[in-house]
Amino acid sequence: MVAPNADIRSTVQRYLDLVADGTSTEIVALYAPDATLEDPVGSEVLRGREAIGGFYAGLDGLAMTTNLVTLRVCAGHAAFHFEVVTDTGGMKFKMAPLEVMTFDGDGLITSMRAFWSDEDLVVDA
């Protein structure tokens, strides 16, 4: 069974909201227990909620904003482009990655792949 497109859209928006204002624990709750994460593509693939939680723990406490640019959903998959800005108080780091996610029938993320490289990062002083 495939999760309804509307549920997947809601999960993607919730994910972006939590990246900006949530905790790593809240983000990890969106993932299936045996999910995988590859961020960026070409890096080590993390497997399971514990490993994925360790990845997102690096975001805890950061001042971030996110903005969804475009989202396409079909057949248990989502592909989306978004902007993320991290404000360190003196500098702003901006990036606009593309992410592809797959979902199980309950609407939990089973895989996430983020497409970006260091040259996509813009730093404003």
N, C-alpha and C. Protein backbone atom coordinates (compact mmCIF):
# COMPACT_ATOMS: atom_id res chain seq x y z
N MET A 1 0.84 -1.19 0.00
CA MET A 1 0.00 0.00 0.00
C MET A 1 0.89 1.25 0.00
N VAL A 2 0.48 2.23 -0.75
CA VAL A 2 1.22 3.49 -0.87
C VAL A 2 0.49 4.57 -0.08
N ALA A 3 1.24 5.38 0.62
CA ALA A 3 0.64 6.50 1.35
C ALA A 3 0.00 7.47 0.36
N PRO A 4 -1.12 8.07 0.73
CA PRO A 4 -1.75 9.07 -0.15
C PRO A 4 -0.82 10.26 -0.40
N ASN A 5 -0.90 10.81 -1.60
CA ASN A 5 -0.07 11.97 -1.95
C ASN A 5 -0.23 13.11 -0.96
N ALA A 6 -1.45 13.35 -0.49
CA ALA A 6 -1.69 14.45 0.46
C ALA A 6 -0.91 14.21 1.76
N ASP A 7 -0.83 12.96 2.22
CA ASP A 7 -0.08 12.66 3.44
C ASP A 7 1.41 12.89 3.23
N ILE A 8 1.90 12.52 2.05
CA ILE A 8 3.32 12.73 1.76
C ILE A 8 3.63 14.22 1.69
N ARG A 9 2.76 14.99 1.05
CA ARG A 9 2.96 16.45 1.00
C ARG A 9 3.03 17.02 2.42
N SER A 10 2.14 16.57 3.28
CA SER A 10 2.12 17.05 4.67
C SER A 10 3.41 16.68 5.39
N THR A 11 3.90 15.47 5.15
CA THR A 11 5.14 15.04 5.80
C THR A 11 6.32 15.86 5.32
N VAL A 12 6.39 16.14 4.03
CA VAL A 12 7.49 16.97 3.52
C VAL A 12 7.45 18.35 4.15
N GLN A 13 6.27 18.96 4.24
CA GLN A 13 6.17 20.28 4.85
C GLN A 13 6.53 20.22 6.33
N ARG A 14 6.09 19.17 7.01
CA ARG A 14 6.42 18.99 8.44
C ARG A 14 7.93 18.84 8.59
N TYR A 15 8.55 18.08 7.71
CA TYR A 15 10.00 17.89 7.73
C TYR A 15 10.71 19.24 7.61
N LEU A 16 10.31 20.05 6.65
CA LEU A 16 10.95 21.36 6.48
C LEU A 16 10.70 22.26 7.68
N ASP A 17 9.50 22.22 8.24
CA ASP A 17 9.21 23.01 9.45
C ASP A 17 10.10 22.57 10.60
N LEU A 18 10.30 21.27 10.76
CA LEU A 18 11.12 20.76 11.86
C LEU A 18 12.60 21.02 11.63
N VAL A 19 13.06 20.98 10.39
CA VAL A 19 14.46 21.34 10.12
C VAL A 19 14.71 22.78 10.58
N ALA A 20 13.73 23.65 10.36
CA ALA A 20 13.87 25.06 10.75
C ALA A 20 13.70 25.26 12.25
N ASP A 21 12.69 24.65 12.85
CA ASP A 21 12.32 24.99 14.23
C ASP A 21 12.18 23.82 15.18
N GLY A 22 12.44 22.61 14.72
CA GLY A 22 12.22 21.44 15.56
C GLY A 22 13.51 20.90 16.15
N THR A 23 13.39 19.69 16.68
CA THR A 23 14.55 19.00 17.25
C THR A 23 14.88 17.78 16.41
N SER A 24 16.07 17.27 16.60
CA SER A 24 16.46 16.06 15.88
C SER A 24 15.52 14.90 16.22
N THR A 25 15.07 14.82 17.45
CA THR A 25 14.14 13.76 17.86
C THR A 25 12.83 13.85 17.08
N GLU A 26 12.33 15.06 16.89
CA GLU A 26 11.09 15.25 16.14
C GLU A 26 11.27 14.89 14.66
N ILE A 27 12.42 15.26 14.10
CA ILE A 27 12.69 14.93 12.69
C ILE A 27 12.78 13.42 12.51
N VAL A 28 13.51 12.76 13.39
CA VAL A 28 13.71 11.31 13.27
C VAL A 28 12.38 10.56 13.37
N ALA A 29 11.42 11.10 14.09
CA ALA A 29 10.11 10.45 14.21
C ALA A 29 9.38 10.38 12.87
N LEU A 30 9.79 11.17 11.89
CA LEU A 30 9.19 11.12 10.55
C LEU A 30 9.73 9.95 9.73
N TYR A 31 10.81 9.32 10.20
CA TYR A 31 11.48 8.25 9.47
C TYR A 31 11.03 6.87 9.97
N ALA A 32 10.96 5.92 9.05
CA ALA A 32 10.73 4.52 9.41
C ALA A 32 11.94 4.00 10.19
N PRO A 33 11.75 2.99 11.04
CA PRO A 33 12.87 2.50 11.86
C PRO A 33 14.10 2.07 11.06
N ASP A 34 13.92 1.51 9.87
CA ASP A 34 15.05 1.02 9.07
C ASP A 34 15.37 1.93 7.88
N ALA A 35 14.99 3.19 7.97
CA ALA A 35 15.18 4.14 6.87
C ALA A 35 16.66 4.38 6.59
N THR A 36 16.91 4.95 5.41
CA THR A 36 18.27 5.35 5.04
C THR A 36 18.30 6.84 4.72
N LEU A 37 19.48 7.42 4.90
CA LEU A 37 19.70 8.84 4.61
C LEU A 37 21.05 8.97 3.92
N GLU A 38 21.09 9.69 2.81
CA GLU A 38 22.33 9.97 2.09
C GLU A 38 22.37 11.46 1.81
N ASP A 39 23.12 12.19 2.63
CA ASP A 39 23.13 13.65 2.57
C ASP A 39 24.55 14.16 2.79
N PRO A 40 25.19 14.61 1.67
CA PRO A 40 24.72 14.66 0.29
C PRO A 40 24.91 13.31 -0.40
N VAL A 41 24.31 13.20 -1.59
CA VAL A 41 24.48 12.00 -2.40
C VAL A 41 25.98 11.80 -2.63
N GLY A 42 26.43 10.57 -2.47
CA GLY A 42 27.85 10.25 -2.60
C GLY A 42 28.54 10.10 -1.26
N SER A 43 27.89 10.55 -0.19
CA SER A 43 28.45 10.38 1.15
C SER A 43 27.98 9.03 1.71
N GLU A 44 28.46 8.70 2.89
CA GLU A 44 28.06 7.45 3.54
C GLU A 44 26.55 7.40 3.73
N VAL A 45 25.96 6.27 3.42
CA VAL A 45 24.52 6.09 3.63
C VAL A 45 24.31 5.68 5.08
N LEU A 46 23.52 6.48 5.79
CA LEU A 46 23.19 6.19 7.19
C LEU A 46 21.94 5.34 7.21
N ARG A 47 21.90 4.36 8.12
CA ARG A 47 20.78 3.42 8.18
C ARG A 47 20.24 3.33 9.60
N GLY A 48 18.94 3.51 9.74
CA GLY A 48 18.28 3.37 11.04
C GLY A 48 18.13 4.71 11.75
N ARG A 49 17.15 4.74 12.64
CA ARG A 49 16.83 6.00 13.33
C ARG A 49 17.98 6.52 14.20
N GLU A 50 18.74 5.63 14.82
CA GLU A 50 19.83 6.11 15.67
C GLU A 50 20.87 6.86 14.85
N ALA A 51 21.29 6.29 13.74
CA ALA A 51 22.29 6.95 12.88
C ALA A 51 21.73 8.23 12.28
N ILE A 52 20.48 8.19 11.85
CA ILE A 52 19.85 9.37 11.27
C ILE A 52 19.70 10.46 12.32
N GLY A 53 19.37 10.07 13.55
CA GLY A 53 19.28 11.04 14.64
C GLY A 53 20.60 11.72 14.91
N GLY A 54 21.70 10.97 14.81
CA GLY A 54 23.02 11.56 14.99
C GLY A 54 23.31 12.62 13.94
N PHE A 55 22.87 12.37 12.72
CA PHE A 55 23.03 13.35 11.64
C PHE A 55 22.27 14.63 11.96
N TYR A 56 20.99 14.52 12.30
CA TYR A 56 20.17 15.70 12.55
C TYR A 56 20.50 16.39 13.87
N ALA A 57 21.17 15.72 14.79
CA ALA A 57 21.56 16.35 16.05
C ALA A 57 22.44 17.57 15.80
N GLY A 58 23.16 17.57 14.69
CA GLY A 58 24.00 18.72 14.34
C GLY A 58 23.20 19.98 14.05
N LEU A 59 21.90 19.85 13.83
CA LEU A 59 21.05 21.01 13.57
C LEU A 59 20.43 21.58 14.84
N ASP A 60 20.41 20.78 15.91
CA ASP A 60 19.78 21.23 17.15
C ASP A 60 20.39 22.55 17.63
N GLY A 61 19.54 23.51 17.89
CA GLY A 61 19.98 24.79 18.42
C GLY A 61 20.40 25.81 17.38
N LEU A 62 20.46 25.45 16.10
CA LEU A 62 20.83 26.41 15.06
C LEU A 62 19.62 27.26 14.68
N ALA A 63 19.89 28.52 14.33
CA ALA A 63 18.84 29.42 13.86
C ALA A 63 18.70 29.22 12.35
N MET A 64 17.63 28.53 11.95
CA MET A 64 17.46 28.18 10.54
C MET A 64 16.07 28.55 10.06
N THR A 65 15.98 28.83 8.76
CA THR A 65 14.69 29.00 8.10
C THR A 65 14.70 28.12 6.86
N THR A 66 13.51 27.65 6.48
CA THR A 66 13.38 26.86 5.26
C THR A 66 12.21 27.40 4.45
N ASN A 67 12.30 27.22 3.14
CA ASN A 67 11.24 27.65 2.24
C ASN A 67 11.12 26.63 1.11
N LEU A 68 9.95 26.02 0.99
CA LEU A 68 9.71 25.06 -0.08
C LEU A 68 9.54 25.81 -1.40
N VAL A 69 10.35 25.45 -2.39
CA VAL A 69 10.28 26.08 -3.71
C VAL A 69 9.32 25.30 -4.61
N THR A 70 9.52 23.99 -4.69
CA THR A 70 8.64 23.16 -5.51
C THR A 70 8.64 21.74 -4.96
N LEU A 71 7.52 21.05 -5.15
CA LEU A 71 7.35 19.69 -4.64
C LEU A 71 6.57 18.87 -5.66
N ARG A 72 7.04 17.68 -5.94
CA ARG A 72 6.32 16.74 -6.79
C ARG A 72 6.19 15.43 -6.01
N VAL A 73 4.97 14.88 -6.00
CA VAL A 73 4.69 13.66 -5.27
C VAL A 73 3.96 12.68 -6.18
N CYS A 74 4.41 11.42 -6.18
CA CYS A 74 3.68 10.37 -6.89
C CYS A 74 4.18 9.00 -6.42
N ALA A 75 3.25 8.06 -6.33
CA ALA A 75 3.56 6.65 -6.09
C ALA A 75 4.51 6.42 -4.91
N GLY A 76 4.28 7.12 -3.80
CA GLY A 76 5.10 6.91 -2.62
C GLY A 76 6.45 7.58 -2.66
N HIS A 77 6.65 8.51 -3.57
CA HIS A 77 7.91 9.24 -3.71
C HIS A 77 7.65 10.75 -3.68
N ALA A 78 8.63 11.50 -3.21
CA ALA A 78 8.57 12.96 -3.26
C ALA A 78 9.92 13.48 -3.74
N ALA A 79 9.88 14.45 -4.63
CA ALA A 79 11.08 15.17 -5.06
C ALA A 79 10.79 16.64 -4.84
N PHE A 80 11.70 17.30 -4.14
CA PHE A 80 11.43 18.71 -3.84
C PHE A 80 12.71 19.53 -3.78
N HIS A 81 12.52 20.80 -4.06
CA HIS A 81 13.58 21.81 -4.04
C HIS A 81 13.20 22.79 -2.95
N PHE A 82 14.13 23.10 -2.08
CA PHE A 82 13.85 24.06 -1.02
C PHE A 82 15.08 24.89 -0.73
N GLU A 83 14.85 25.98 -0.05
CA GLU A 83 15.94 26.86 0.38
C GLU A 83 16.07 26.75 1.89
N VAL A 84 17.30 26.75 2.35
CA VAL A 84 17.55 26.73 3.79
C VAL A 84 18.62 27.79 4.09
N VAL A 85 18.36 28.57 5.13
CA VAL A 85 19.30 29.61 5.56
C VAL A 85 19.63 29.35 7.02
N THR A 86 20.92 29.31 7.31
CA THR A 86 21.39 29.18 8.69
C THR A 86 22.04 30.49 9.08
N ASP A 87 21.54 31.10 10.15
CA ASP A 87 22.05 32.39 10.63
C ASP A 87 22.86 32.14 11.89
N THR A 88 24.16 32.43 11.81
CA THR A 88 25.04 32.21 12.96
C THR A 88 25.23 33.46 13.80
N GLY A 89 24.49 34.51 13.48
CA GLY A 89 24.61 35.74 14.24
C GLY A 89 25.49 36.75 13.55
N GLY A 90 26.45 36.31 12.79
CA GLY A 90 27.31 37.22 12.05
C GLY A 90 27.36 36.89 10.57
N MET A 91 27.04 35.65 10.27
CA MET A 91 27.07 35.21 8.88
C MET A 91 25.82 34.38 8.60
N LYS A 92 25.41 34.39 7.32
CA LYS A 92 24.30 33.56 6.88
C LYS A 92 24.80 32.58 5.83
N PHE A 93 24.44 31.33 6.01
CA PHE A 93 24.78 30.27 5.07
C PHE A 93 23.51 29.87 4.35
N LYS A 94 23.52 29.99 3.02
CA LYS A 94 22.33 29.70 2.21
C LYS A 94 22.61 28.53 1.27
N MET A 95 21.60 27.68 1.14
CA MET A 95 21.70 26.55 0.23
C MET A 95 20.31 26.23 -0.29
N ALA A 96 20.24 25.66 -1.47
CA ALA A 96 18.96 25.28 -2.07
C ALA A 96 19.06 23.86 -2.63
N PRO A 97 19.06 22.86 -1.74
CA PRO A 97 19.21 21.48 -2.19
C PRO A 97 17.96 20.92 -2.85
N LEU A 98 18.16 19.83 -3.56
CA LEU A 98 17.06 19.01 -4.07
C LEU A 98 17.07 17.74 -3.23
N GLU A 99 15.91 17.29 -2.79
CA GLU A 99 15.83 16.05 -2.02
C GLU A 99 14.81 15.12 -2.65
N VAL A 100 15.12 13.85 -2.57
CA VAL A 100 14.21 12.80 -3.03
C VAL A 100 13.96 11.88 -1.84
N MET A 101 12.69 11.66 -1.54
CA MET A 101 12.31 10.78 -0.43
C MET A 101 11.38 9.69 -0.94
N THR A 102 11.45 8.53 -0.29
CA THR A 102 10.47 7.48 -0.49
C THR A 102 9.74 7.26 0.83
N PHE A 103 8.51 6.76 0.74
CA PHE A 103 7.64 6.64 1.91
C PHE A 103 7.01 5.26 1.96
N ASP A 104 6.74 4.79 3.18
CA ASP A 104 6.01 3.54 3.33
C ASP A 104 4.51 3.82 3.36
N GLY A 105 3.71 2.79 3.51
CA GLY A 105 2.26 2.94 3.50
C GLY A 105 1.71 3.78 4.63
N ASP A 106 2.50 3.93 5.71
CA ASP A 106 2.09 4.75 6.85
C ASP A 106 2.52 6.20 6.70
N GLY A 107 3.19 6.52 5.60
CA GLY A 107 3.65 7.88 5.37
C GLY A 107 4.97 8.21 6.03
N LEU A 108 5.69 7.20 6.54
CA LEU A 108 7.01 7.43 7.12
C LEU A 108 8.06 7.41 6.02
N ILE A 109 9.10 8.21 6.20
CA ILE A 109 10.19 8.29 5.23
C ILE A 109 11.00 7.00 5.30
N THR A 110 11.18 6.32 4.16
CA THR A 110 12.01 5.12 4.13
C THR A 110 13.40 5.41 3.55
N SER A 111 13.52 6.46 2.77
CA SER A 111 14.83 6.88 2.29
C SER A 111 14.80 8.37 1.97
N MET A 112 15.95 8.99 2.16
CA MET A 112 16.11 10.40 1.80
C MET A 112 17.49 10.55 1.16
N ARG A 113 17.51 11.20 0.00
CA ARG A 113 18.76 11.51 -0.69
C ARG A 113 18.76 13.00 -0.98
N ALA A 114 19.81 13.69 -0.57
CA ALA A 114 19.92 15.14 -0.77
C ALA A 114 20.99 15.42 -1.83
N PHE A 115 20.61 16.20 -2.81
CA PHE A 115 21.50 16.54 -3.93
C PHE A 115 22.01 17.96 -3.75
N TRP A 116 23.28 18.08 -3.39
CA TRP A 116 23.96 19.36 -3.25
C TRP A 116 25.45 19.09 -3.12
N SER A 117 26.26 20.13 -3.32
CA SER A 117 27.70 20.02 -3.10
C SER A 117 28.19 21.31 -2.45
N ASP A 118 29.43 21.31 -2.03
CA ASP A 118 29.99 22.49 -1.35
C ASP A 118 29.88 23.75 -2.20
N GLU A 119 29.96 23.61 -3.51
CA GLU A 119 29.89 24.79 -4.38
C GLU A 119 28.50 25.40 -4.42
N ASP A 120 27.51 24.72 -3.87
CA ASP A 120 26.14 25.26 -3.81
C ASP A 120 25.92 26.14 -2.58
N LEU A 121 26.85 26.12 -1.64
CA LEU A 121 26.72 26.90 -0.41
C LEU A 121 27.11 28.36 -0.66
N VAL A 122 26.24 29.27 -0.27
CA VAL A 122 26.50 30.71 -0.40
C VAL A 122 26.63 31.28 1.00
N VAL A 123 27.70 32.03 1.23
CA VAL A 123 27.95 32.62 2.55
C VAL A 123 27.83 34.14 2.43
N ASP A 124 26.96 34.72 3.26
CA ASP A 124 26.80 36.17 3.34
C ASP A 124 27.36 36.64 4.67
N ALA A 125 28.29 37.56 4.61
CA ALA A 125 28.89 38.08 5.84
C ALA A 125 28.07 39.23 6.40
